[in-house]
PDB file of N, CA and C in Angstrom:
ATOM      1  N   UNK A   1      -3.611   6.056 -14.115  1.00  0.00           N
ATOM      2  CA  UNK A   1      -5.042   6.759 -13.014  1.00  0.00           C
ATOM      3  C   UNK A   1      -4.706   7.975 -12.275  1.00  0.00           C
ATOM      4  N   UNK A   2      -5.840   8.780 -11.782  1.00  0.00           N
ATOM      5  CA  UNK A   2      -5.446   9.728 -11.239  1.00  0.00           C
ATOM      6  C   UNK A   2      -5.804   9.950  -9.689  1.00  0.00           C
ATOM      7  N   UNK A   3      -4.822  10.049  -9.190  1.00  0.00           N
ATOM      8  CA  UNK A   3      -5.102  10.048  -7.504  1.00  0.00           C
ATOM      9  C   UNK A   3      -5.054  11.416  -6.706  1.00  0.00           C
ATOM     10  N   UNK A   4      -5.975  11.865  -5.556  1.00  0.00           N
ATOM     11  CA  UNK A   4      -5.618  12.756  -4.758  1.00  0.00           C
ATOM     12  C   UNK A   4      -5.262  12.733  -3.902  1.00  0.00           C
ATOM     13  N   UNK A   5      -3.945  13.439  -3.654  1.00  0.00           N
ATOM     14  CA  UNK A   5      -2.721  13.183  -2.509  1.00  0.00           C
ATOM     15  C   UNK A   5      -2.848  14.427  -1.751  1.00  0.00           C
ATOM     16  N   UNK A   6      -2.359  14.783  -0.656  1.00  0.00           N
ATOM     17  CA  UNK A   6      -3.064  15.124   0.312  1.00  0.00           C
ATOM     18  C   UNK A   6      -1.741  16.017   0.987  1.00  0.00           C
ATOM     19  N   UNK A   7      -1.775  17.249   1.613  1.00  0.00           N
ATOM     20  CA  UNK A   7      -0.433  17.803   2.578  1.00  0.00           C
ATOM     21  C   UNK A   7      -1.197  17.403   3.859  1.00  0.00           C
ATOM     22  N   UNK A   8      -0.627  16.625   4.672  1.00  0.00           N
ATOM     23  CA  UNK A   8      -0.679  16.479   6.073  1.00  0.00           C
ATOM     24  C   UNK A   8       0.745  16.795   7.291  1.00  0.00           C
ATOM     25  N   UNK A   9      -0.302  16.966   8.183  1.00  0.00           N
ATOM     26  CA  UNK A   9       0.854  17.125   9.601  1.00  0.00           C
ATOM     27  C   UNK A   9       1.370  16.334  10.389  1.00  0.00           C
ATOM     28  N   UNK A  10       2.266  16.169  11.042  1.00  0.00           N
ATOM     29  CA  UNK A  10       2.664  14.982  12.291  1.00  0.00           C
ATOM     30  C   UNK A  10       2.790  16.113  13.532  1.00  0.00           C
ATOM     31  N   UNK A  11       2.246  15.520  14.333  1.00  0.00           N
ATOM     32  CA  UNK A  11       1.787  15.972  15.801  1.00  0.00           C
ATOM     33  C   UNK A  11       3.455  15.259  16.640  1.00  0.00           C
ATOM     34  N   UNK A  12       4.053  16.213  16.889  1.00  0.00           N
ATOM     35  CA  UNK A  12       5.592  15.695  17.875  1.00  0.00           C
ATOM     36  C   UNK A  12       4.543  15.246  19.399  1.00  0.00           C
ATOM     37  N   UNK A  13       4.917  13.656  19.544  1.00  0.00           N
ATOM     38  CA  UNK A  13       4.146  12.982  20.492  1.00  0.00           C
ATOM     39  C   UNK A  13       4.832  13.156  21.863  1.00  0.00           C
ATOM     40  N   UNK A  14       5.841  13.648  21.926  1.00  0.00           N
ATOM     41  CA  UNK A  14       6.609  14.403  22.705  1.00  0.00           C
ATOM     42  C   UNK A  14       6.117  15.518  23.609  1.00  0.00           C
ATOM     43  N   UNK A  15       6.260  16.431  22.656  1.00  0.00           N
ATOM     44  CA  UNK A  15       5.753  17.827  22.773  1.00  0.00           C
ATOM     45  C   UNK A  15       4.392  17.795  21.985  1.00  0.00           C
ATOM     46  N   UNK A  16       3.875  17.480  22.957  1.00  0.00           N
ATOM     47  CA  UNK A  16       2.466  17.742  21.854  1.00  0.00           C
ATOM     48  C   UNK A  16       1.494  19.127  21.765  1.00  0.00           C
ATOM     49  N   UNK A  17       2.107  20.195  21.678  1.00  0.00           N
ATOM     50  CA  UNK A  17       1.601  21.419  20.376  1.00  0.00           C
ATOM     51  C   UNK A  17       2.698  21.690  19.556  1.00  0.00           C
ATOM     52  N   UNK A  18       3.367  21.080  19.294  1.00  0.00           N
ATOM     53  CA  UNK A  18       3.856  21.487  17.526  1.00  0.00           C
ATOM     54  C   UNK A  18       3.917  20.336  16.911  1.00  0.00           C
ATOM     55  N   UNK A  19       3.437  20.878  15.606  1.00  0.00           N
ATOM     56  CA  UNK A  19       3.232  19.896  14.730  1.00  0.00           C
ATOM     57  C   UNK A  19       4.011  20.138  13.601  1.00  0.00           C
ATOM     58  N   UNK A  20       4.731  19.808  12.742  1.00  0.00           N
ATOM     59  CA  UNK A  20       5.466  19.661  11.870  1.00  0.00           C
ATOM     60  C   UNK A  20       4.486  18.896  10.516  1.00  0.00           C
ATOM     61  N   UNK A  21       4.980  19.859   8.843  1.00  0.00           N
ATOM     62  CA  UNK A  21       3.856  19.632   7.958  1.00  0.00           C
ATOM     63  C   UNK A  21       5.350  18.992   6.807  1.00  0.00           C
ATOM     64  N   UNK A  22       5.552  17.624   6.768  1.00  0.00           N
ATOM     65  CA  UNK A  22       6.427  16.992   6.049  1.00  0.00           C
ATOM     66  C   UNK A  22       6.209  17.933   4.500  1.00  0.00           C
ATOM     67  N   UNK A  23       7.476  17.622   3.867  1.00  0.00           N
ATOM     68  CA  UNK A  23       7.448  17.744   2.359  1.00  0.00           C
ATOM     69  C   UNK A  23       6.936  17.051   1.601  1.00  0.00           C
ATOM     70  N   UNK A  24       6.223  16.561   1.274  1.00  0.00           N
ATOM     71  CA  UNK A  24       5.055  15.657   0.890  1.00  0.00           C
ATOM     72  C   UNK A  24       3.630  15.686   0.620  1.00  0.00           C
ATOM     73  N   UNK A  25       2.750  15.541  -0.170  1.00  0.00           N
ATOM     74  CA  UNK A  25       1.773  15.419  -0.337  1.00  0.00           C
ATOM     75  C   UNK A  25       1.992  13.858  -0.325  1.00  0.00           C
ATOM     76  N   UNK A  26       0.551  13.065   0.001  1.00  0.00           N
ATOM     77  CA  UNK A  26       0.668  11.644   0.429  1.00  0.00           C
ATOM     78  C   UNK A  26      -1.187  11.510   0.422  1.00  0.00           C
ATOM     79  N   UNK A  27      -1.255   9.816  -0.105  1.00  0.00           N
ATOM     80  CA  UNK A  27      -2.700   9.184  -0.791  1.00  0.00           C
ATOM     81  C   UNK A  27      -2.602   9.260   0.895  1.00  0.00           C
ATOM     82  N   UNK A  28      -4.592   9.120   0.885  1.00  0.00           N
ATOM     83  CA  UNK A  28      -4.790   8.966   2.373  1.00  0.00           C
ATOM     84  C   UNK A  28      -5.013   7.978   3.112  1.00  0.00           C
ATOM     85  N   UNK A  29      -4.529   7.237   2.579  1.00  0.00           N
ATOM     86  CA  UNK A  29      -3.867   5.511   3.340  1.00  0.00           C
ATOM     87  C   UNK A  29      -2.430   5.658   3.538  1.00  0.00           C
ATOM     88  N   UNK A  30      -1.824   6.287   2.927  1.00  0.00           N
ATOM     89  CA  UNK A  30      -0.150   6.454   3.768  1.00  0.00           C
ATOM     90  C   UNK A  30      -0.659   6.943   4.731  1.00  0.00           C
ATOM     91  N   UNK A  31      -1.118   8.402   4.606  1.00  0.00           N
ATOM     92  CA  UNK A  31      -1.246   9.251   6.208  1.00  0.00           C
ATOM     93  C   UNK A  31      -2.119   8.464   7.341  1.00  0.00           C
ATOM     94  N   UNK A  32      -2.901   7.633   7.151  1.00  0.00           N
ATOM     95  CA  UNK A  32      -3.489   6.932   8.388  1.00  0.00           C
ATOM     96  C   UNK A  32      -2.803   5.854   9.157  1.00  0.00           C
ATOM     97  N   UNK A  33      -1.682   5.531   8.608  1.00  0.00           N
ATOM     98  CA  UNK A  33      -1.091   4.308   9.011  1.00  0.00           C
ATOM     99  C   UNK A  33      -0.004   5.177   9.693  1.00  0.00           C
ATOM    100  N   UNK A  34       0.217   6.074   9.635  1.00  0.00           N
ATOM    101  CA  UNK A  34       1.287   7.146  10.635  1.00  0.00           C
ATOM    102  C   UNK A  34       0.867   7.489  12.147  1.00  0.00           C
ATOM    103  N   UNK A  35       2.015   7.406  12.790  1.00  0.00           N
ATOM    104  CA  UNK A  35       0.850   7.351  14.144  1.00  0.00           C
ATOM    105  C   UNK A  35       0.870   9.323  14.479  1.00  0.00           C
ATOM    106  N   UNK A  36       0.547   9.950  15.143  1.00  0.00           N
ATOM    107  CA  UNK A  36       0.151  11.466  14.927  1.00  0.00           C
ATOM    108  C   UNK A  36      -0.172  12.360  13.926  1.00  0.00           C
ATOM    109  N   UNK A  37      -0.204  11.376  12.377  1.00  0.00           N
ATOM    110  CA  UNK A  37      -0.824  12.257  11.714  1.00  0.00           C
ATOM    111  C   UNK A  37      -2.279  12.755  11.413  1.00  0.00           C
ATOM    112  N   UNK A  38      -2.584  13.347  10.273  1.00  0.00           N
ATOM    113  CA  UNK A  38      -3.589  13.741  10.409  1.00  0.00           C
ATOM    114  C   UNK A  38      -3.623  14.694   8.594  1.00  0.00           C
ATOM    115  N   UNK A  39      -4.773  14.542   8.095  1.00  0.00           N
ATOM    116  CA  UNK A  39      -4.843  15.016   6.645  1.00  0.00           C
ATOM    117  C   UNK A  39      -5.511  16.279   6.514  1.00  0.00           C
ATOM    118  N   UNK A  40      -4.591  17.558   6.241  1.00  0.00           N
ATOM    119  CA  UNK A  40      -4.892  19.157   5.664  1.00  0.00           C
ATOM    120  C   UNK A  40      -5.772  18.533   4.412  1.00  0.00           C
ATOM    121  N   UNK A  41      -7.693  18.610   5.139  1.00  0.00           N
ATOM    122  CA  UNK A  41      -7.975  18.385   3.761  1.00  0.00           C
ATOM    123  C   UNK A  41      -8.326  19.387   2.582  1.00  0.00           C
ATOM    124  N   UNK A  42      -8.228  20.949   3.181  1.00  0.00           N
ATOM    125  CA  UNK A  42      -8.352  21.657   1.793  1.00  0.00           C
ATOM    126  C   UNK A  42      -6.963  22.160   1.353  1.00  0.00           C
ATOM    127  N   UNK A  43      -6.240  20.946   1.475  1.00  0.00           N
ATOM    128  CA  UNK A  43      -4.460  20.816   0.502  1.00  0.00           C
ATOM    129  C   UNK A  43      -4.447  20.093  -0.392  1.00  0.00           C
ATOM    130  N   UNK A  44      -4.421  19.804  -1.314  1.00  0.00           N
ATOM    131  CA  UNK A  44      -4.597  18.499  -2.338  1.00  0.00           C
ATOM    132  C   UNK A  44      -3.883  19.068  -3.473  1.00  0.00           C
ATOM    133  N   UNK A  45      -3.932  18.007  -4.173  1.00  0.00           N
ATOM    134  CA  UNK A  45      -3.494  17.609  -5.536  1.00  0.00           C
ATOM    135  C   UNK A  45      -3.776  17.000  -6.082  1.00  0.00           C
ATOM    136  N   UNK A  46      -4.490  16.410  -7.385  1.00  0.00           N
ATOM    137  CA  UNK A  46      -5.006  15.616  -8.242  1.00  0.00           C
ATOM    138  C   UNK A  46      -3.604  15.259  -9.640  1.00  0.00           C
ATOM    139  N   UNK A  47      -3.223  14.311  -9.000  1.00  0.00           N
ATOM    140  CA  UNK A  47      -1.822  13.728  -9.815  1.00  0.00           C
ATOM    141  C   UNK A  47      -1.901  11.937 -10.465  1.00  0.00           C
ATOM    142  N   UNK A  48      -1.273  12.136 -11.411  1.00  0.00           N
ATOM    143  CA  UNK A  48      -1.357  10.646 -11.993  1.00  0.00           C
ATOM    144  C   UNK A  48      -0.142  10.058 -10.917  1.00  0.00           C
ATOM    145  N   UNK A  49      -0.809   8.433 -11.478  1.00  0.00           N
ATOM    146  CA  UNK A  49      -0.496   7.452 -10.103  1.00  0.00           C
ATOM    147  C   UNK A  49       1.335   7.030 -10.276  1.00  0.00           C
ATOM    148  N   UNK A  50       1.432   6.877 -11.469  1.00  0.00           N
ATOM    149  CA  UNK A  50       3.038   6.981 -12.021  1.00  0.00           C
ATOM    150  C   UNK A  50       3.882   8.084 -11.632  1.00  0.00           C
ATOM    151  N   UNK A  51       3.285   9.151 -10.782  1.00  0.00           N
ATOM    152  CA  UNK A  51       3.845   9.998 -10.727  1.00  0.00           C
ATOM    153  C   UNK A  51       4.462   9.952  -8.749  1.00  0.00           C
ATOM    154  N   UNK A  52       4.001   9.129  -7.679  1.00  0.00           N
ATOM    155  CA  UNK A  52       3.801   8.669  -6.571  1.00  0.00           C
ATOM    156  C   UNK A  52       5.170   7.710  -6.667  1.00  0.00           C
ATOM    157  N   UNK A  53       5.617   7.841  -5.548  1.00  0.00           N
ATOM    158  CA  UNK A  53       6.557   6.668  -4.718  1.00  0.00           C
ATOM    159  C   UNK A  53       6.195   5.482  -4.751  1.00  0.00           C
ATOM    160  N   UNK A  54       6.761   4.253  -4.045  1.00  0.00           N
ATOM    161  CA  UNK A  54       6.573   3.233  -3.167  1.00  0.00           C
ATOM    162  C   UNK A  54       5.572   3.597  -2.896  1.00  0.00           C
ATOM    163  N   UNK A  55       5.339   4.492  -1.905  1.00  0.00           N
ATOM    164  CA  UNK A  55       4.615   4.742  -0.340  1.00  0.00           C
ATOM    165  C   UNK A  55       3.223   5.694  -0.660  1.00  0.00           C
ATOM    166  N   UNK A  56       3.132   6.197  -1.960  1.00  0.00           N
ATOM    167  CA  UNK A  56       1.703   7.033  -2.265  1.00  0.00           C
ATOM    168  C   UNK A  56       2.116   8.469  -2.150  1.00  0.00           C
ATOM    169  N   UNK A  57       3.937   8.463  -2.085  1.00  0.00           N
ATOM    170  CA  UNK A  57       3.812  10.272  -1.889  1.00  0.00           C
ATOM    171  C   UNK A  57       4.694  10.807  -2.720  1.00  0.00           C
ATOM    172  N   UNK A  58       4.272  12.328  -2.813  1.00  0.00           N
ATOM    173  CA  UNK A  58       4.949  13.245  -4.316  1.00  0.00           C
ATOM    174  C   UNK A  58       5.284  14.353  -3.393  1.00  0.00           C
ATOM    175  N   UNK A  59       6.908  15.099  -4.137  1.00  0.00           N
ATOM    176  CA  UNK A  59       7.575  15.942  -3.017  1.00  0.00           C
ATOM    177  C   UNK A  59       6.814  17.332  -3.338  1.00  0.00           C
ATOM    178  N   UNK A  60       6.534  17.715  -2.606  1.00  0.00           N
ATOM    179  CA  UNK A  60       6.199  19.414  -2.260  1.00  0.00           C
ATOM    180  C   UNK A  60       6.366  20.312  -3.022  1.00  0.00           C
ATOM    181  N   UNK A  61       8.467  20.117  -3.091  1.00  0.00           N
ATOM    182  CA  UNK A  61       8.860  21.076  -3.886  1.00  0.00           C
ATOM    183  C   UNK A  61       8.909  21.264  -5.487  1.00  0.00           C
TER     184      UNK A  61
END
């Protein structure tokens, strides 16, 4: 099964002006569970479900 995974950014809650972009693409459901995270809508991949880890992520490297 093919799934769409997205890059995302996570805001530093202590320094509200800094965002980090993790080294993963992830399914939307995973990203929505992270506090301070938001999807980068225009940066995505379509991958096989079997390529994802147990959290629904795949390395961007």
